[in-house]
Amino acid sequence: MPIVKRSTMLADGRELIYFDDPDTTLSAERTADARHLDARPATATMRQDPLTGEWISIAASRQNRIFLPPADHDPLAPTTPGNPSEVPNNYDVVVFENRSPSFGPSLAAFDPALLDSVGLGRTLPSIGRCEVVCFSPQHEGSFGSQTEIRARTVIEAWADRTEALSAMPGIQQVFPFENRGEAIGVTLLHPHGQIYAYPYVTPRTTRLLESISKFGPELFAQILQTERASERVVLSGEHWTAYVPFAARWPIEVHMVPHRQVPDFAALHDVERDELAGLYLRLLRGIDALYDTPTPYIAAWHQAPVNVGRNDIRLMLQVTSPRRAAAKLKYLAGSEAAMGAWIGDVTPEQEAAFIREGISRA
C-alpha cells in the first residue's frame, strides 16, 4: 500500500500536510483547524556580515517561542479539548509551516548580485520557508525510536518537501535536520525535525563547492571509495555506507552517503529509500547504545543546492554529537568557536570502533 499525502491549511493560512503510513489505521477524513490565531509575523530581515560576506537572519519573533512544555500542552501533539495544538487531528507523520520561522513566509527571487556582493549596512528580507516535521504523535522520542515503516514515511515526506520547496521562488537550498536532546538546545521533547529552505547557498556548501572546484567533480566518489576501504566504516548496505570521516571534528561524528551520485532526497529511488529507513534506524540506535542515557546529536541532511553543483554534490547525512564521555560534553571554546580551527579528542579510527560496538549492542 502507498504512503498517502493529504494537504490542508491551518487557521492562519499556513500549509499542513499529513503523510499516512502504508498500514495506517487513521481515517481519510481530517478535521479543520478551529482556532482563532493572530496574524503571522512579518518576514524577518537578513543582515550581511561584511567580514565574511555571510547573511544573518534576525528573526526576533522566535525569541518567545515555547520551551519544554508538559505533555498536555505539547504544540506538536494532536489537538485535544484541553490542548488546541498545531495539528488538528491524530496523525502518523505531519509537516507544517513553522509559526515562528527563521525564513519566510515571503517568497521572491533575488538578483544573485545582491547576495554575492559585500558592503556595509546591507539588508535583505529573509525570504524562504521553515517547516516542522513530526515523526510521531507521541510526546517524547526521536527518529531512532520510530518503527521502520514510520521511518520510511518520514523519508517520503523529506523527499516530497525537498521537491516542493526547491520549486518555490527564491529558494536556493533545502536542508532537513533533526536536533535531539537538551544539550543541543532542543525546546520541544516531541519527536520531530525541521526543514529550512534558504534564499542563498549556505556557507558550508559554498566551502564544499570550492573544494570540488580544486579537487574535481569526482570528490564524493573518491571519498566513498577511500572510506569503504578503511577501518572507519560503521555500517553498510547495498545502496548506502556510513563511516566516521577521516578528519572527524566531533567526539561522535558519522557520515552516510548513497553509493551513486544523488543530489537530494527527491532523486532517490524507492529501493534506496527503503534501505535507508532500516540503516538509519540502526545507526541512531547504535549511537544511543554507546552510553546508558540517550545521546544528544544533530542529524543534518546536506543536499545539493537547487541551481548549482547538482552533478557533483551528493546527498549526505552528517550526525554529530558533542558527547565525549558519559557525563562530559565537548564545548566549542577559543580555537573552534573563534577561529574555526578544530582539535579532535579521539582518533576517527577509535571512534569508529566505539560506534560499531554500540550498533552491535543495539
Protein backbone atom coordinates (compact mmCIF):
# COMPACT_ATOMS: atom_id res chain seq x y z
CA MET A 1 0.00 0.00 0.00
CA PRO A 2 1.28 3.51 -0.76
CA ILE A 3 2.15 6.31 1.64
CA VAL A 4 -0.76 8.74 1.28
CA LYS A 5 -0.35 12.53 1.31
CA ARG A 6 -3.22 14.78 2.45
CA SER A 7 -2.86 18.58 2.32
CA THR A 8 -4.83 21.21 4.21
CA MET A 9 -4.45 24.70 5.71
CA LEU A 10 -4.22 25.92 9.29
CA ALA A 11 -6.39 28.75 10.59
CA ASP A 12 -3.79 31.43 9.81
CA GLY A 13 -3.13 30.20 6.27
CA ARG A 14 -0.10 28.02 6.90
CA GLU A 15 0.17 24.80 4.92
CA LEU A 16 -0.16 21.48 6.79
CA ILE A 17 0.40 18.09 5.15
CA TYR A 18 -0.38 14.65 6.58
CA PHE A 19 1.67 11.66 5.41
CA ASP A 20 -0.13 8.44 6.30
CA ASP A 21 1.80 5.21 6.86
CA PRO A 22 1.16 2.41 4.33
CA ASP A 23 -0.52 0.41 7.12
CA THR A 24 -2.27 3.39 8.71
CA THR A 25 -5.36 2.91 10.85
CA LEU A 26 -6.37 6.56 10.53
CA SER A 27 -9.48 7.78 8.76
CA ALA A 28 -9.14 9.70 5.50
CA GLU A 29 -11.36 12.42 6.97
CA ARG A 30 -9.48 15.26 8.70
CA THR A 31 -10.96 17.99 10.89
CA ALA A 32 -10.28 21.64 10.03
CA ASP A 33 -8.24 23.85 12.36
CA ALA A 34 -10.86 25.58 14.56
CA ARG A 35 -8.52 28.00 16.36
CA HIS A 36 -8.59 31.79 16.11
CA LEU A 37 -4.96 32.75 15.53
CA ASP A 38 -3.12 36.05 15.35
CA ALA A 39 -1.71 37.13 12.03
CA ARG A 40 1.60 35.54 11.10
CA PRO A 41 4.74 37.53 11.98
CA ALA A 42 6.27 39.64 9.24
CA THR A 43 9.18 38.16 7.30
CA ALA A 44 12.43 38.76 9.17
CA THR A 45 15.39 40.72 7.80
CA MET A 46 18.82 39.40 6.83
CA ARG A 47 21.91 41.48 7.57
CA GLN A 48 25.22 40.89 5.85
CA ASP A 49 28.43 40.41 7.82
CA PRO A 50 30.99 42.34 5.72
CA LEU A 51 33.88 40.38 7.29
CA THR A 52 32.71 37.09 5.76
CA GLY A 53 30.01 38.06 3.26
CA GLU A 54 27.59 35.76 5.11
CA TRP A 55 23.93 36.62 5.70
CA ILE A 56 22.45 36.55 9.22
CA SER A 57 18.65 36.34 9.62
CA ILE A 58 17.42 38.48 12.53
CA ALA A 59 14.19 36.63 13.42
CA ALA A 60 13.11 38.40 16.61
CA SER A 61 9.66 36.74 16.59
CA ARG A 62 11.35 33.48 17.67
CA GLN A 63 12.59 34.88 20.98
CA ASN A 64 9.48 33.96 22.98
CA ARG A 65 8.70 30.57 21.46
CA ILE A 66 7.51 27.78 23.75
CA PHE A 67 10.15 26.00 25.88
CA LEU A 68 9.91 22.33 27.03
CA PRO A 69 6.14 22.24 27.67
CA PRO A 70 4.47 19.34 29.54
CA ALA A 71 2.70 16.64 27.54
CA ASP A 72 -0.73 18.21 28.00
CA HIS A 73 0.49 21.45 26.38
CA ASP A 74 2.59 19.90 23.60
CA PRO A 75 2.05 22.08 20.47
CA LEU A 76 3.04 19.18 18.19
CA ALA A 77 0.64 16.61 19.66
CA PRO A 78 -2.77 16.04 18.07
CA THR A 79 -5.37 18.55 19.23
CA THR A 80 -7.50 17.71 22.27
CA PRO A 81 -10.19 19.82 24.01
CA GLY A 82 -7.60 20.95 26.55
CA ASN A 83 -4.73 21.41 24.09
CA PRO A 84 -5.61 23.24 20.85
CA SER A 85 -2.29 22.38 19.21
CA GLU A 86 -0.77 23.00 15.80
CA VAL A 87 -2.16 19.71 14.44
CA PRO A 88 -5.99 19.41 14.33
CA ASN A 89 -6.10 15.59 14.02
CA ASN A 90 -4.31 12.43 15.03
CA TYR A 91 -1.58 11.57 12.53
CA ASP A 92 1.26 9.25 11.53
CA VAL A 93 3.64 11.90 10.13
CA VAL A 94 2.77 15.54 9.62
CA VAL A 95 4.58 18.54 8.12
CA PHE A 96 3.53 22.16 8.60
CA GLU A 97 4.91 25.66 8.23
CA ASN A 98 6.63 26.93 11.37
CA ARG A 99 4.61 29.55 13.23
CA SER A 100 7.82 31.44 14.13
CA PRO A 101 10.05 30.93 11.10
CA SER A 102 13.66 31.99 10.69
CA PHE A 103 12.98 32.45 6.96
CA GLY A 104 9.70 33.39 5.28
CA PRO A 105 6.80 33.31 4.83
CA SER A 106 7.53 35.71 1.96
CA LEU A 107 8.97 34.21 -1.22
CA ALA A 108 10.75 36.09 -4.00
CA ALA A 109 13.73 35.62 -6.29
CA PHE A 110 16.81 37.77 -5.56
CA ASP A 111 19.21 39.06 -8.17
CA PRO A 112 22.32 36.90 -7.45
CA ALA A 113 24.44 40.05 -7.42
CA LEU A 114 22.58 41.24 -4.33
CA LEU A 115 23.64 38.11 -2.45
CA ASP A 116 27.20 37.85 -3.71
CA SER A 117 28.48 41.42 -3.35
CA VAL A 118 29.80 42.72 0.00
CA GLY A 119 29.15 46.07 1.65
CA LEU A 120 28.34 47.85 4.89
CA GLY A 121 24.82 48.03 6.34
CA ARG A 122 23.35 45.72 3.70
CA THR A 123 19.95 44.14 4.38
CA LEU A 124 17.53 41.89 2.51
CA PRO A 125 14.24 40.26 3.50
CA SER A 126 14.68 36.76 4.96
CA ILE A 127 12.61 35.09 2.28
CA GLY A 128 12.24 31.33 2.35
CA ARG A 129 10.32 28.73 4.29
CA CYS A 130 10.71 26.78 7.52
CA GLU A 131 8.72 23.61 8.15
CA VAL A 132 8.29 21.30 11.13
CA VAL A 133 8.27 17.53 10.52
CA CYS A 134 6.61 15.50 13.30
CA PHE A 135 7.74 11.86 13.24
CA SER A 136 5.03 10.61 15.60
CA PRO A 137 2.01 11.84 17.61
CA GLN A 138 3.78 10.71 20.83
CA HIS A 139 5.05 13.38 23.22
CA GLU A 140 8.62 12.06 23.54
CA GLY A 141 11.05 10.23 21.29
CA SER A 142 13.27 10.79 18.26
CA PHE A 143 13.72 9.47 14.74
CA GLY A 144 15.58 6.48 16.17
CA SER A 145 12.62 5.45 18.32
CA GLN A 146 10.30 5.00 15.32
CA THR A 147 9.38 1.79 13.52
CA GLU A 148 10.95 1.04 10.16
CA ILE A 149 7.60 1.64 8.46
CA ARG A 150 7.32 5.04 10.12
CA ALA A 151 10.93 5.89 9.25
CA ARG A 152 10.12 5.15 5.61
CA THR A 153 7.13 7.51 5.78
CA VAL A 154 9.34 10.30 7.14
CA ILE A 155 11.85 9.73 4.32
CA GLU A 156 8.99 10.01 1.82
CA ALA A 157 7.96 13.29 3.48
CA TRP A 158 11.53 14.61 3.20
CA ALA A 159 11.62 13.72 -0.49
CA ASP A 160 8.23 15.29 -1.16
CA ARG A 161 9.07 18.51 0.66
CA THR A 162 12.53 18.76 -0.92
CA GLU A 163 10.96 18.68 -4.36
CA ALA A 164 8.18 21.13 -3.46
CA LEU A 165 10.40 23.62 -1.64
CA SER A 166 13.06 23.54 -4.36
CA ALA A 167 10.44 24.73 -6.85
CA MET A 168 9.42 27.79 -4.79
CA PRO A 169 10.53 31.30 -5.87
CA GLY A 170 13.91 32.33 -4.50
CA ILE A 171 14.80 29.05 -2.76
CA GLN A 172 18.47 28.17 -3.24
CA GLN A 173 18.96 25.22 -0.85
CA VAL A 174 16.77 22.82 1.18
CA PHE A 175 18.03 21.39 4.48
CA PRO A 176 16.21 18.66 6.50
CA PHE A 177 17.59 18.10 10.01
CA GLU A 178 16.82 16.79 13.48
CA ASN A 179 18.08 18.33 16.73
CA ARG A 180 17.95 15.80 19.55
CA GLY A 181 18.50 16.49 23.26
CA GLU A 182 18.51 19.47 25.59
CA ALA A 183 22.31 19.65 25.34
CA ILE A 184 21.81 20.57 21.67
CA GLY A 185 19.25 23.24 22.55
CA VAL A 186 16.02 21.37 21.84
CA THR A 187 12.95 23.26 23.13
CA LEU A 188 10.38 20.52 22.44
CA LEU A 189 10.69 16.88 23.53
CA HIS A 190 8.25 15.75 20.83
CA PRO A 191 9.93 13.57 18.15
CA HIS A 192 10.35 15.99 15.30
CA GLY A 193 12.75 17.59 12.86
CA GLN A 194 12.72 20.65 10.67
CA ILE A 195 13.30 21.66 7.07
CA TYR A 196 14.84 25.03 6.19
CA ALA A 197 14.55 26.39 2.67
CA TYR A 198 17.18 29.13 2.32
CA PRO A 199 17.32 32.12 -0.06
CA TYR A 200 21.07 31.56 -0.52
CA VAL A 201 23.59 28.73 -0.71
CA THR A 202 24.75 28.14 2.86
CA PRO A 203 28.36 28.86 3.95
CA ARG A 204 29.20 25.17 4.50
CA THR A 205 28.01 24.28 1.00
CA THR A 206 29.87 27.24 -0.50
CA ARG A 207 33.08 25.88 1.02
CA LEU A 208 32.23 22.44 -0.37
CA LEU A 209 31.79 23.87 -3.87
CA GLU A 210 35.21 25.49 -3.54
CA SER A 211 36.75 22.14 -2.58
CA ILE A 212 35.11 20.42 -5.56
CA SER A 213 36.50 23.11 -7.87
CA LYS A 214 40.01 22.38 -6.53
CA PHE A 215 39.76 18.56 -6.35
CA GLY A 216 37.46 17.77 -9.25
CA PRO A 217 33.85 16.58 -9.74
CA GLU A 218 34.68 13.05 -8.56
CA LEU A 219 35.31 14.21 -4.96
CA PHE A 220 32.39 12.33 -3.38
CA ALA A 221 33.03 9.16 -5.35
CA GLN A 222 36.68 9.18 -4.29
CA ILE A 223 35.80 9.86 -0.63
CA LEU A 224 33.35 6.95 -0.61
CA GLN A 225 35.87 4.60 -2.23
CA THR A 226 38.55 5.58 0.29
CA GLU A 227 36.29 5.32 3.32
CA ARG A 228 34.83 1.95 2.28
CA ALA A 229 38.38 0.58 2.12
CA SER A 230 39.19 1.88 5.62
CA GLU A 231 38.54 0.73 9.20
CA ARG A 232 36.23 3.72 9.72
CA VAL A 233 33.10 2.11 8.18
CA VAL A 234 30.45 1.53 10.85
CA LEU A 235 27.51 0.31 8.74
CA SER A 236 26.99 -0.63 5.10
CA GLY A 237 24.25 -1.90 2.81
CA GLU A 238 23.65 -2.40 -0.89
CA HIS A 239 22.95 1.30 -1.50
CA TRP A 240 24.42 3.19 1.49
CA THR A 241 27.57 3.35 3.60
CA ALA A 242 28.04 5.03 6.99
CA TYR A 243 31.51 5.88 8.27
CA VAL A 244 33.45 8.10 10.65
CA PRO A 245 35.18 10.61 8.33
CA PHE A 246 38.96 10.68 8.01
CA ALA A 247 39.11 14.16 9.60
CA ALA A 248 36.25 13.96 12.12
CA ARG A 249 35.76 17.06 14.26
CA TRP A 250 33.33 15.86 16.92
CA PRO A 251 33.69 13.12 19.59
CA ILE A 252 30.85 11.34 17.79
CA GLU A 253 30.62 12.02 14.07
CA VAL A 254 29.23 9.74 11.35
CA HIS A 255 28.61 10.47 7.69
CA MET A 256 26.35 8.36 5.47
CA VAL A 257 26.08 8.62 1.69
CA PRO A 258 24.37 6.71 -1.13
CA HIS A 259 26.57 4.62 -3.41
CA ARG A 260 25.54 6.53 -6.54
CA GLN A 261 25.51 10.25 -7.31
CA VAL A 262 22.22 11.59 -5.90
CA PRO A 263 21.82 15.35 -5.28
CA ASP A 264 18.90 15.19 -2.85
CA PHE A 265 16.10 13.11 -1.33
CA ALA A 266 13.79 13.71 -4.28
CA ALA A 267 16.23 11.94 -6.60
CA LEU A 268 16.44 8.72 -4.54
CA HIS A 269 14.95 5.53 -5.99
CA ASP A 270 12.40 3.60 -3.92
CA VAL A 271 14.90 0.83 -3.16
CA GLU A 272 17.35 3.41 -1.80
CA ARG A 273 14.66 4.97 0.38
CA ASP A 274 13.61 1.52 1.62
CA GLU A 275 17.14 0.52 2.65
CA LEU A 276 17.82 3.91 4.21
CA ALA A 277 14.90 3.51 6.61
CA GLY A 278 16.43 0.45 8.24
CA LEU A 279 20.09 1.53 8.14
CA TYR A 280 19.39 4.98 9.55
CA LEU A 281 17.47 3.48 12.48
CA ARG A 282 20.32 1.05 13.19
CA LEU A 283 22.83 3.90 13.15
CA LEU A 284 20.88 6.17 15.53
CA ARG A 285 20.05 3.30 17.89
CA GLY A 286 23.71 2.33 17.92
CA ILE A 287 24.72 5.86 18.86
CA ASP A 288 22.15 5.76 21.67
CA ALA A 289 23.60 2.46 22.89
CA LEU A 290 27.05 3.97 23.43
CA TYR A 291 26.07 5.12 26.94
CA ASP A 292 23.35 4.40 29.48
CA THR A 293 21.39 7.53 28.55
CA PRO A 294 20.29 8.88 25.13
CA THR A 295 22.96 10.76 23.19
CA PRO A 296 22.31 14.35 22.08
CA TYR A 297 23.02 14.93 18.39
CA ILE A 298 22.38 16.97 15.29
CA ALA A 299 21.38 14.86 12.28
CA ALA A 300 21.98 17.08 9.25
CA TRP A 301 21.00 16.05 5.73
CA HIS A 302 23.22 18.01 3.36
CA GLN A 303 21.68 18.31 -0.11
CA ALA A 304 22.92 19.91 -3.30
CA PRO A 305 21.71 23.47 -3.88
CA VAL A 306 18.77 23.96 -6.21
CA ASN A 307 20.70 25.60 -9.05
CA VAL A 308 24.40 24.69 -8.72
CA GLY A 309 26.51 21.60 -8.10
CA ARG A 310 23.72 19.14 -8.87
CA ASN A 311 26.04 16.70 -10.67
CA ASP A 312 28.86 16.99 -8.13
CA ILE A 313 27.40 17.32 -4.61
CA ARG A 314 26.00 14.10 -3.21
CA LEU A 315 23.23 13.79 -0.64
CA MET A 316 24.98 13.24 2.70
CA LEU A 317 23.92 12.66 6.29
CA GLN A 318 26.21 14.10 8.96
CA VAL A 319 25.37 13.02 12.52
CA THR A 320 27.42 14.91 15.11
CA SER A 321 27.36 14.89 18.90
CA PRO A 322 29.39 16.87 21.46
CA ARG A 323 29.28 13.92 23.89
CA ARG A 324 32.86 12.87 24.64
CA ALA A 325 32.08 10.70 27.68
CA ALA A 326 29.05 9.52 29.65
CA ALA A 327 28.85 12.79 31.60
CA LYS A 328 31.09 15.11 29.55
CA LEU A 329 30.46 17.33 26.54
CA LYS A 330 32.88 18.92 24.11
CA TYR A 331 32.39 22.69 24.29
CA LEU A 332 33.48 24.87 21.41
CA ALA A 333 35.94 27.22 23.08
CA GLY A 334 38.60 29.60 21.74
CA SER A 335 40.16 27.73 18.80
CA GLU A 336 37.00 26.14 17.40
CA ALA A 337 34.48 28.90 18.15
CA ALA A 338 36.65 31.92 17.40
CA MET A 339 38.96 30.67 14.65
CA GLY A 340 37.20 27.62 13.22
CA ALA A 341 40.37 25.62 13.91
CA TRP A 342 39.26 22.24 15.25
CA ILE A 343 41.08 19.85 17.56
CA GLY A 344 39.85 16.26 17.74
CA ASP A 345 39.73 14.46 21.10
CA VAL A 346 40.00 10.87 19.80
CA THR A 347 41.22 9.34 16.55
CA PRO A 348 38.48 8.68 13.98
CA GLU A 349 39.53 5.02 13.91
CA GLN A 350 38.96 4.66 17.68
CA GLU A 351 35.67 6.48 17.30
CA ALA A 352 34.53 4.12 14.53
CA ALA A 353 35.32 1.04 16.63
CA PHE A 354 33.37 2.51 19.55
CA ILE A 355 30.34 3.22 17.34
CA ARG A 356 30.44 -0.26 15.79
CA GLU A 357 30.24 -1.66 19.33
CA GLY A 358 27.18 0.47 20.01
CA ILE A 359 25.49 -0.68 16.80
CA SER A 360 26.24 -4.29 17.72
CA ARG A 361 24.68 -3.85 21.19
CA ALA A 362 21.63 -2.07 19.79
